[in-house]
Amino acid sequence: MADIWVSAPKSHIGQSLIRITLPTSQSYSGKPLAEIYQQHEKETKDKYNQRVTDIEKSSFDSLVFITSGGMAPETTKDWPKTRFFLSCS
């Protein structure tokens, strides 16, 4: 698993944390994909959301991808705007 920060202007998307995971790893055996996505979205929000909103006065997007190309539900929703800002940087 890798955590990658992506910064953009605060008035647009604020902060994003990109998390990439391998769903076929032994630690996820027997877990449905939806549960893996939910776990990673929750972990990143719990770890970073409070600091980003309170200290940096910005918004926070948790972007979760799997190695085979899938995206978590929240990532699917936020991906178009994030992709745009990544292409501009």
PDB file of N, CA and C in Angstrom:
ATOM      1  N   MET A   1       0.849  -1.167   0.000  1.00  0.00           N
ATOM      2  CA  MET A   1       0.000   0.000   0.000  1.00  0.00           C
ATOM      3  C   MET A   1       0.892   1.227   0.000  1.00  0.00           C
ATOM      4  N   ALA A   2       0.486   2.243  -0.742  1.00  0.00           N
ATOM      5  CA  ALA A   2       1.247   3.485  -0.807  1.00  0.00           C
ATOM      6  C   ALA A   2       0.322   4.663  -0.584  1.00  0.00           C
ATOM      7  N   ASP A   3       0.771   5.635   0.206  1.00  0.00           N
ATOM      8  CA  ASP A   3       0.034   6.875   0.411  1.00  0.00           C
ATOM      9  C   ASP A   3       0.781   7.968  -0.327  1.00  0.00           C
ATOM     10  N   ILE A   4       0.089   8.694  -1.177  1.00  0.00           N
ATOM     11  CA  ILE A   4       0.707   9.756  -1.964  1.00  0.00           C
ATOM     12  C   ILE A   4      -0.122  11.016  -1.811  1.00  0.00           C
ATOM     13  N   TRP A   5       0.515  12.128  -1.391  1.00  0.00           N
ATOM     14  CA  TRP A   5      -0.180  13.406  -1.266  1.00  0.00           C
ATOM     15  C   TRP A   5      -0.199  14.117  -2.602  1.00  0.00           C
ATOM     16  N   VAL A   6      -1.311  14.740  -2.917  1.00  0.00           N
ATOM     17  CA  VAL A   6      -1.437  15.583  -4.099  1.00  0.00           C
ATOM     18  C   VAL A   6      -2.029  16.902  -3.647  1.00  0.00           C
ATOM     19  N   SER A   7      -1.330  18.003  -3.909  1.00  0.00           N
ATOM     20  CA  SER A   7      -1.830  19.316  -3.513  1.00  0.00           C
ATOM     21  C   SER A   7      -2.304  20.090  -4.726  1.00  0.00           C
ATOM     22  N   ALA A   8      -3.337  20.847  -4.530  1.00  0.00           N
ATOM     23  CA  ALA A   8      -3.886  21.719  -5.568  1.00  0.00           C
ATOM     24  C   ALA A   8      -4.365  22.983  -4.874  1.00  0.00           C
ATOM     25  N   PRO A   9      -4.737  24.012  -5.614  1.00  0.00           N
ATOM     26  CA  PRO A   9      -5.221  25.235  -4.971  1.00  0.00           C
ATOM     27  C   PRO A   9      -6.367  24.947  -4.006  1.00  0.00           C
ATOM     28  N   LYS A  10      -6.326  25.551  -2.824  1.00  0.00           N
ATOM     29  CA  LYS A  10      -7.325  25.277  -1.790  1.00  0.00           C
ATOM     30  C   LYS A  10      -8.744  25.599  -2.233  1.00  0.00           C
ATOM     31  N   SER A  11      -8.899  26.524  -3.120  1.00  0.00           N
ATOM     32  CA  SER A  11     -10.245  26.885  -3.553  1.00  0.00           C
ATOM     33  C   SER A  11     -10.834  25.850  -4.507  1.00  0.00           C
ATOM     34  N   HIS A  12     -10.025  24.914  -4.957  1.00  0.00           N
ATOM     35  CA  HIS A  12     -10.524  23.921  -5.912  1.00  0.00           C
ATOM     36  C   HIS A  12     -10.713  22.565  -5.247  1.00  0.00           C
ATOM     37  N   ILE A  13      -9.670  21.782  -5.104  1.00  0.00           N
ATOM     38  CA  ILE A  13      -9.864  20.465  -4.500  1.00  0.00           C
ATOM     39  C   ILE A  13      -9.133  20.290  -3.187  1.00  0.00           C
ATOM     40  N   GLY A  14      -8.374  21.263  -2.753  1.00  0.00           N
ATOM     41  CA  GLY A  14      -7.701  21.130  -1.473  1.00  0.00           C
ATOM     42  C   GLY A  14      -6.642  20.045  -1.508  1.00  0.00           C
ATOM     43  N   GLN A  15      -6.760  19.099  -0.621  1.00  0.00           N
ATOM     44  CA  GLN A  15      -5.778  18.029  -0.490  1.00  0.00           C
ATOM     45  C   GLN A  15      -6.413  16.700  -0.902  1.00  0.00           C
ATOM     46  N   SER A  16      -5.607  15.871  -1.517  1.00  0.00           N
ATOM     47  CA  SER A  16      -6.038  14.510  -1.826  1.00  0.00           C
ATOM     48  C   SER A  16      -4.963  13.560  -1.354  1.00  0.00           C
ATOM     49  N   LEU A  17      -5.389  12.455  -0.825  1.00  0.00           N
ATOM     50  CA  LEU A  17      -4.467  11.400  -0.477  1.00  0.00           C
ATOM     51  C   LEU A  17      -4.794  10.228  -1.377  1.00  0.00           C
ATOM     52  N   ILE A  18      -3.810   9.799  -2.135  1.00  0.00           N
ATOM     53  CA  ILE A  18      -4.015   8.672  -3.035  1.00  0.00           C
ATOM     54  C   ILE A  18      -3.468   7.431  -2.365  1.00  0.00           C
ATOM     55  N   ARG A  19      -4.298   6.439  -2.232  1.00  0.00           N
ATOM     56  CA  ARG A  19      -3.897   5.183  -1.616  1.00  0.00           C
ATOM     57  C   ARG A  19      -4.082   4.076  -2.647  1.00  0.00           C
ATOM     58  N   ILE A  20      -3.031   3.287  -2.829  1.00  0.00           N
ATOM     59  CA  ILE A  20      -3.064   2.189  -3.796  1.00  0.00           C
ATOM     60  C   ILE A  20      -2.870   0.890  -3.024  1.00  0.00           C
ATOM     61  N   THR A  21      -3.723  -0.091  -3.280  1.00  0.00           N
ATOM     62  CA  THR A  21      -3.642  -1.343  -2.528  1.00  0.00           C
ATOM     63  C   THR A  21      -3.762  -2.551  -3.446  1.00  0.00           C
ATOM     64  N   LEU A  22      -3.252  -3.672  -2.983  1.00  0.00           N
ATOM     65  CA  LEU A  22      -3.301  -4.938  -3.708  1.00  0.00           C
ATOM     66  C   LEU A  22      -4.361  -5.815  -3.053  1.00  0.00           C
ATOM     67  N   PRO A  23      -5.553  -5.919  -3.657  1.00  0.00           N
ATOM     68  CA  PRO A  23      -6.655  -6.628  -2.999  1.00  0.00           C
ATOM     69  C   PRO A  23      -6.464  -8.140  -2.924  1.00  0.00           C
ATOM     70  N   THR A  24      -5.524  -8.680  -3.669  1.00  0.00           N
ATOM     71  CA  THR A  24      -5.302 -10.128  -3.633  1.00  0.00           C
ATOM     72  C   THR A  24      -4.245 -10.527  -2.603  1.00  0.00           C
ATOM     73  N   SER A  25      -3.758  -9.558  -1.822  1.00  0.00           N
ATOM     74  CA  SER A  25      -2.754  -9.891  -0.806  1.00  0.00           C
ATOM     75  C   SER A  25      -3.376 -10.752   0.289  1.00  0.00           C
ATOM     76  N   GLN A  26      -2.529 -11.446   1.001  1.00  0.00           N
ATOM     77  CA  GLN A  26      -2.979 -12.380   2.028  1.00  0.00           C
ATOM     78  C   GLN A  26      -3.801 -11.692   3.112  1.00  0.00           C
ATOM     79  N   SER A  27      -3.464 -10.459   3.427  1.00  0.00           N
ATOM     80  CA  SER A  27      -4.185  -9.752   4.495  1.00  0.00           C
ATOM     81  C   SER A  27      -5.641  -9.453   4.146  1.00  0.00           C
ATOM     82  N   TYR A  28      -5.993  -9.520   2.877  1.00  0.00           N
ATOM     83  CA  TYR A  28      -7.375  -9.263   2.458  1.00  0.00           C
ATOM     84  C   TYR A  28      -8.116 -10.539   2.054  1.00  0.00           C
ATOM     85  N   SER A  29      -7.516 -11.695   2.244  1.00  0.00           N
ATOM     86  CA  SER A  29      -8.158 -12.936   1.794  1.00  0.00           C
ATOM     87  C   SER A  29      -9.511 -13.106   2.476  1.00  0.00           C
ATOM     88  N   GLY A  30     -10.499 -13.375   1.678  1.00  0.00           N
ATOM     89  CA  GLY A  30     -11.848 -13.568   2.196  1.00  0.00           C
ATOM     90  C   GLY A  30     -12.659 -12.289   2.339  1.00  0.00           C
ATOM     91  N   LYS A  31     -12.043 -11.125   2.139  1.00  0.00           N
ATOM     92  CA  LYS A  31     -12.774  -9.859   2.247  1.00  0.00           C
ATOM     93  C   LYS A  31     -13.321  -9.472   0.887  1.00  0.00           C
ATOM     94  N   PRO A  32     -14.586  -9.057   0.838  1.00  0.00           N
ATOM     95  CA  PRO A  32     -15.115  -8.549  -0.428  1.00  0.00           C
ATOM     96  C   PRO A  32     -14.460  -7.215  -0.789  1.00  0.00           C
ATOM     97  N   LEU A  33     -14.391  -6.939  -2.069  1.00  0.00           N
ATOM     98  CA  LEU A  33     -13.751  -5.727  -2.561  1.00  0.00           C
ATOM     99  C   LEU A  33     -14.376  -4.469  -1.960  1.00  0.00           C
ATOM    100  N   ALA A  34     -15.690  -4.441  -1.828  1.00  0.00           N
ATOM    101  CA  ALA A  34     -16.368  -3.274  -1.251  1.00  0.00           C
ATOM    102  C   ALA A  34     -15.879  -2.996   0.167  1.00  0.00           C
ATOM    103  N   GLU A  35     -15.618  -4.031   0.925  1.00  0.00           N
ATOM    104  CA  GLU A  35     -15.126  -3.869   2.297  1.00  0.00           C
ATOM    105  C   GLU A  35     -13.693  -3.327   2.320  1.00  0.00           C
ATOM    106  N   ILE A  36     -12.870  -3.756   1.379  1.00  0.00           N
ATOM    107  CA  ILE A  36     -11.492  -3.258   1.272  1.00  0.00           C
ATOM    108  C   ILE A  36     -11.510  -1.766   0.952  1.00  0.00           C
ATOM    109  N   TYR A  37     -12.334  -1.386  -0.018  1.00  0.00           N
ATOM    110  CA  TYR A  37     -12.457   0.040  -0.356  1.00  0.00           C
ATOM    111  C   TYR A  37     -12.892   0.850   0.862  1.00  0.00           C
ATOM    112  N   GLN A  38     -13.926   0.374   1.520  1.00  0.00           N
ATOM    113  CA  GLN A  38     -14.470   1.088   2.680  1.00  0.00           C
ATOM    114  C   GLN A  38     -13.415   1.219   3.780  1.00  0.00           C
ATOM    115  N   GLN A  39     -12.652   0.168   4.016  1.00  0.00           N
ATOM    116  CA  GLN A  39     -11.605   0.196   5.036  1.00  0.00           C
ATOM    117  C   GLN A  39     -10.574   1.279   4.731  1.00  0.00           C
ATOM    118  N   HIS A  40     -10.128   1.352   3.493  1.00  0.00           N
ATOM    119  CA  HIS A  40      -9.102   2.331   3.135  1.00  0.00           C
ATOM    120  C   HIS A  40      -9.638   3.760   3.135  1.00  0.00           C
ATOM    121  N   GLU A  41     -10.875   3.959   2.689  1.00  0.00           N
ATOM    122  CA  GLU A  41     -11.464   5.294   2.753  1.00  0.00           C
ATOM    123  C   GLU A  41     -11.565   5.755   4.207  1.00  0.00           C
ATOM    124  N   LYS A  42     -12.013   4.884   5.073  1.00  0.00           N
ATOM    125  CA  LYS A  42     -12.152   5.222   6.490  1.00  0.00           C
ATOM    126  C   LYS A  42     -10.794   5.508   7.127  1.00  0.00           C
ATOM    127  N   GLU A  43      -9.805   4.671   6.843  1.00  0.00           N
ATOM    128  CA  GLU A  43      -8.471   4.870   7.427  1.00  0.00           C
ATOM    129  C   GLU A  43      -7.878   6.225   7.039  1.00  0.00           C
ATOM    130  N   THR A  44      -7.984   6.583   5.770  1.00  0.00           N
ATOM    131  CA  THR A  44      -7.395   7.855   5.341  1.00  0.00           C
ATOM    132  C   THR A  44      -8.163   9.041   5.912  1.00  0.00           C
ATOM    133  N   LYS A  45      -9.480   8.931   5.970  1.00  0.00           N
ATOM    134  CA  LYS A  45     -10.264  10.016   6.560  1.00  0.00           C
ATOM    135  C   LYS A  45      -9.950  10.172   8.036  1.00  0.00           C
ATOM    136  N   ASP A  46      -9.886   9.052   8.752  1.00  0.00           N
ATOM    137  CA  ASP A  46      -9.587   9.110  10.185  1.00  0.00           C
ATOM    138  C   ASP A  46      -8.209   9.712  10.438  1.00  0.00           C
ATOM    139  N   LYS A  47      -7.262   9.399   9.570  1.00  0.00           N
ATOM    140  CA  LYS A  47      -5.878   9.823   9.781  1.00  0.00           C
ATOM    141  C   LYS A  47      -5.629  11.279   9.386  1.00  0.00           C
ATOM    142  N   TYR A  48      -6.267  11.768   8.320  1.00  0.00           N
ATOM    143  CA  TYR A  48      -5.904  13.069   7.771  1.00  0.00           C
ATOM    144  C   TYR A  48      -6.994  14.143   7.772  1.00  0.00           C
ATOM    145  N   ASN A  49      -8.254  13.777   7.767  1.00  0.00           N
ATOM    146  CA  ASN A  49      -9.323  14.747   7.556  1.00  0.00           C
ATOM    147  C   ASN A  49      -9.344  15.865   8.603  1.00  0.00           C
ATOM    148  N   GLN A  50      -9.189  15.515   9.858  1.00  0.00           N
ATOM    149  CA  GLN A  50      -9.245  16.519  10.930  1.00  0.00           C
ATOM    150  C   GLN A  50      -8.169  17.582  10.738  1.00  0.00           C
ATOM    151  N   ARG A  51      -6.939  17.159  10.471  1.00  0.00           N
ATOM    152  CA  ARG A  51      -5.832  18.110  10.296  1.00  0.00           C
ATOM    153  C   ARG A  51      -6.047  18.993   9.079  1.00  0.00           C
ATOM    154  N   VAL A  52      -6.470  18.411   7.984  1.00  0.00           N
ATOM    155  CA  VAL A  52      -6.642  19.189   6.753  1.00  0.00           C
ATOM    156  C   VAL A  52      -7.731  20.238   6.923  1.00  0.00           C
ATOM    157  N   THR A  53      -8.841  19.876   7.527  1.00  0.00           N
ATOM    158  CA  THR A  53      -9.936  20.840   7.676  1.00  0.00           C
ATOM    159  C   THR A  53      -9.663  21.868   8.768  1.00  0.00           C
ATOM    160  N   ASP A  54      -9.062  21.462   9.891  1.00  0.00           N
ATOM    161  CA  ASP A  54      -8.833  22.391  11.009  1.00  0.00           C
ATOM    162  C   ASP A  54      -7.598  23.266  10.823  1.00  0.00           C
ATOM    163  N   ILE A  55      -6.496  22.685  10.437  1.00  0.00           N
ATOM    164  CA  ILE A  55      -5.234  23.422  10.376  1.00  0.00           C
ATOM    165  C   ILE A  55      -5.027  24.074   9.020  1.00  0.00           C
ATOM    166  N   GLU A  56      -5.242  23.323   7.950  1.00  0.00           N
ATOM    167  CA  GLU A  56      -4.987  23.863   6.620  1.00  0.00           C
ATOM    168  C   GLU A  56      -6.188  24.582   6.021  1.00  0.00           C
ATOM    169  N   LYS A  57      -7.338  24.504   6.697  1.00  0.00           N
ATOM    170  CA  LYS A  57      -8.572  25.163   6.244  1.00  0.00           C
ATOM    171  C   LYS A  57      -8.868  24.808   4.780  1.00  0.00           C
ATOM    172  N   SER A  58      -8.817  23.532   4.492  1.00  0.00           N
ATOM    173  CA  SER A  58      -8.981  23.051   3.131  1.00  0.00           C
ATOM    174  C   SER A  58      -9.934  21.865   3.130  1.00  0.00           C
ATOM    175  N   SER A  59     -10.270  21.394   1.960  1.00  0.00           N
ATOM    176  CA  SER A  59     -11.085  20.186   1.860  1.00  0.00           C
ATOM    177  C   SER A  59     -10.168  18.983   1.676  1.00  0.00           C
ATOM    178  N   PHE A  60     -10.746  17.798   1.773  1.00  0.00           N
ATOM    179  CA  PHE A  60      -9.951  16.578   1.712  1.00  0.00           C
ATOM    180  C   PHE A  60     -10.683  15.540   0.883  1.00  0.00           C
ATOM    181  N   ASP A  61      -9.972  14.940  -0.048  1.00  0.00           N
ATOM    182  CA  ASP A  61     -10.507  13.843  -0.856  1.00  0.00           C
ATOM    183  C   ASP A  61      -9.646  12.613  -0.621  1.00  0.00           C
ATOM    184  N   SER A  62     -10.275  11.503  -0.305  1.00  0.00           N
ATOM    185  CA  SER A  62      -9.567  10.239  -0.143  1.00  0.00           C
ATOM    186  C   SER A  62      -9.726   9.462  -1.447  1.00  0.00           C
ATOM    187  N   LEU A  63      -8.635   9.228  -2.144  1.00  0.00           N
ATOM    188  CA  LEU A  63      -8.672   8.526  -3.423  1.00  0.00           C
ATOM    189  C   LEU A  63      -8.065   7.144  -3.236  1.00  0.00           C
ATOM    190  N   VAL A  64      -8.885   6.104  -3.401  1.00  0.00           N
ATOM    191  CA  VAL A  64      -8.433   4.732  -3.178  1.00  0.00           C
ATOM    192  C   VAL A  64      -8.508   3.962  -4.489  1.00  0.00           C
ATOM    193  N   PHE A  65      -7.373   3.414  -4.903  1.00  0.00           N
ATOM    194  CA  PHE A  65      -7.273   2.618  -6.126  1.00  0.00           C
ATOM    195  C   PHE A  65      -6.772   1.220  -5.774  1.00  0.00           C
ATOM    196  N   ILE A  66      -7.120   0.255  -6.617  1.00  0.00           N
ATOM    197  CA  ILE A  66      -6.518  -1.064  -6.474  1.00  0.00           C
ATOM    198  C   ILE A  66      -5.601  -1.297  -7.668  1.00  0.00           C
ATOM    199  N   THR A  67      -4.680  -2.214  -7.522  1.00  0.00           N
ATOM    200  CA  THR A  67      -3.655  -2.431  -8.541  1.00  0.00           C
ATOM    201  C   THR A  67      -4.212  -2.926  -9.867  1.00  0.00           C
ATOM    202  N   SER A  68      -5.404  -3.486  -9.866  1.00  0.00           N
ATOM    203  CA  SER A  68      -5.993  -3.962 -11.123  1.00  0.00           C
ATOM    204  C   SER A  68      -6.796  -2.887 -11.846  1.00  0.00           C
ATOM    205  N   GLY A  69      -6.811  -1.662 -11.288  1.00  0.00           N
ATOM    206  CA  GLY A  69      -7.452  -0.550 -11.974  1.00  0.00           C
ATOM    207  C   GLY A  69      -8.768  -0.080 -11.409  1.00  0.00           C
ATOM    208  N   GLY A  70      -9.267  -0.698 -10.364  1.00  0.00           N
ATOM    209  CA  GLY A  70     -10.538  -0.281  -9.784  1.00  0.00           C
ATOM    210  C   GLY A  70     -10.398   0.927  -8.878  1.00  0.00           C
ATOM    211  N   MET A  71     -11.527   1.584  -8.603  1.00  0.00           N
ATOM    212  CA  MET A  71     -11.571   2.753  -7.723  1.00  0.00           C
ATOM    213  C   MET A  71     -12.690   2.576  -6.705  1.00  0.00           C
ATOM    214  N   ALA A  72     -12.447   3.113  -5.508  1.00  0.00           N
ATOM    215  CA  ALA A  72     -13.477   3.111  -4.470  1.00  0.00           C
ATOM    216  C   ALA A  72     -14.620   4.042  -4.893  1.00  0.00           C
ATOM    217  N   PRO A  73     -15.814   3.856  -4.335  1.00  0.00           N
ATOM    218  CA  PRO A  73     -16.957   4.694  -4.723  1.00  0.00           C
ATOM    219  C   PRO A  73     -16.695   6.192  -4.599  1.00  0.00           C
ATOM    220  N   GLU A  74     -16.078   6.645  -3.511  1.00  0.00           N
ATOM    221  CA  GLU A  74     -15.794   8.072  -3.341  1.00  0.00           C
ATOM    222  C   GLU A  74     -14.776   8.547  -4.386  1.00  0.00           C
ATOM    223  N   THR A  75     -13.824   7.705  -4.711  1.00  0.00           N
ATOM    224  CA  THR A  75     -12.821   8.041  -5.722  1.00  0.00           C
ATOM    225  C   THR A  75     -13.483   8.210  -7.083  1.00  0.00           C
ATOM    226  N   THR A  76     -14.400   7.324  -7.411  1.00  0.00           N
ATOM    227  CA  THR A  76     -15.120   7.407  -8.684  1.00  0.00           C
ATOM    228  C   THR A  76     -15.842   8.741  -8.798  1.00  0.00           C
ATOM    229  N   LYS A  77     -16.412   9.196  -7.691  1.00  0.00           N
ATOM    230  CA  LYS A  77     -17.128  10.474  -7.664  1.00  0.00           C
ATOM    231  C   LYS A  77     -16.175  11.661  -7.840  1.00  0.00           C
ATOM    232  N   ASP A  78     -15.009  11.624  -7.176  1.00  0.00           N
ATOM    233  CA  ASP A  78     -14.077  12.751  -7.163  1.00  0.00           C
ATOM    234  C   ASP A  78     -13.030  12.713  -8.270  1.00  0.00           C
ATOM    235  N   TRP A  79     -12.889  11.596  -8.955  1.00  0.00           N
ATOM    236  CA  TRP A  79     -11.801  11.424  -9.913  1.00  0.00           C
ATOM    237  C   TRP A  79     -11.794  12.439 -11.059  1.00  0.00           C
ATOM    238  N   PRO A  80     -12.918  12.794 -11.675  1.00  0.00           N
ATOM    239  CA  PRO A  80     -12.858  13.749 -12.787  1.00  0.00           C
ATOM    240  C   PRO A  80     -12.206  15.084 -12.419  1.00  0.00           C
ATOM    241  N   LYS A  81     -12.563  15.666 -11.280  1.00  0.00           N
ATOM    242  CA  LYS A  81     -11.959  16.953 -10.911  1.00  0.00           C
ATOM    243  C   LYS A  81     -10.499  16.770 -10.506  1.00  0.00           C
ATOM    244  N   THR A  82     -10.175  15.676  -9.848  1.00  0.00           N
ATOM    245  CA  THR A  82      -8.787  15.429  -9.449  1.00  0.00           C
ATOM    246  C   THR A  82      -7.908  15.215 -10.668  1.00  0.00           C
ATOM    247  N   ARG A  83      -8.393  14.451 -11.624  1.00  0.00           N
ATOM    248  CA  ARG A  83      -7.637  14.195 -12.856  1.00  0.00           C
ATOM    249  C   ARG A  83      -7.347  15.501 -13.588  1.00  0.00           C
ATOM    250  N   PHE A  84      -8.310  16.398 -13.599  1.00  0.00           N
ATOM    251  CA  PHE A  84      -8.124  17.694 -14.258  1.00  0.00           C
ATOM    252  C   PHE A  84      -6.989  18.473 -13.599  1.00  0.00           C
ATOM    253  N   PHE A  85      -7.009  18.560 -12.258  1.00  0.00           N
ATOM    254  CA  PHE A  85      -5.989  19.335 -11.562  1.00  0.00           C
ATOM    255  C   PHE A  85      -4.614  18.680 -11.632  1.00  0.00           C
ATOM    256  N   LEU A  86      -4.567  17.364 -11.664  1.00  0.00           N
ATOM    257  CA  LEU A  86      -3.279  16.678 -11.825  1.00  0.00           C
ATOM    258  C   LEU A  86      -2.687  16.966 -13.195  1.00  0.00           C
ATOM    259  N   SER A  87      -3.533  17.037 -14.202  1.00  0.00           N
ATOM    260  CA  SER A  87      -3.034  17.298 -15.555  1.00  0.00           C
ATOM    261  C   SER A  87      -2.548  18.740 -15.708  1.00  0.00           C
ATOM    262  N   CYS A  88      -3.026  19.641 -14.877  1.00  0.00           N
ATOM    263  CA  CYS A  88      -2.615  21.050 -14.944  1.00  0.00           C
ATOM    264  C   CYS A  88      -1.345  21.331 -14.158  1.00  0.00           C
ATOM    265  N   SER A  89      -0.937  20.405 -13.302  1.00  0.00           N
ATOM    266  CA  SER A  89       0.244  20.683 -12.472  1.00  0.00           C
ATOM    267  C   SER A  89       1.532  20.226 -13.104  1.00  0.00           C
TER     268      SER A  89
END
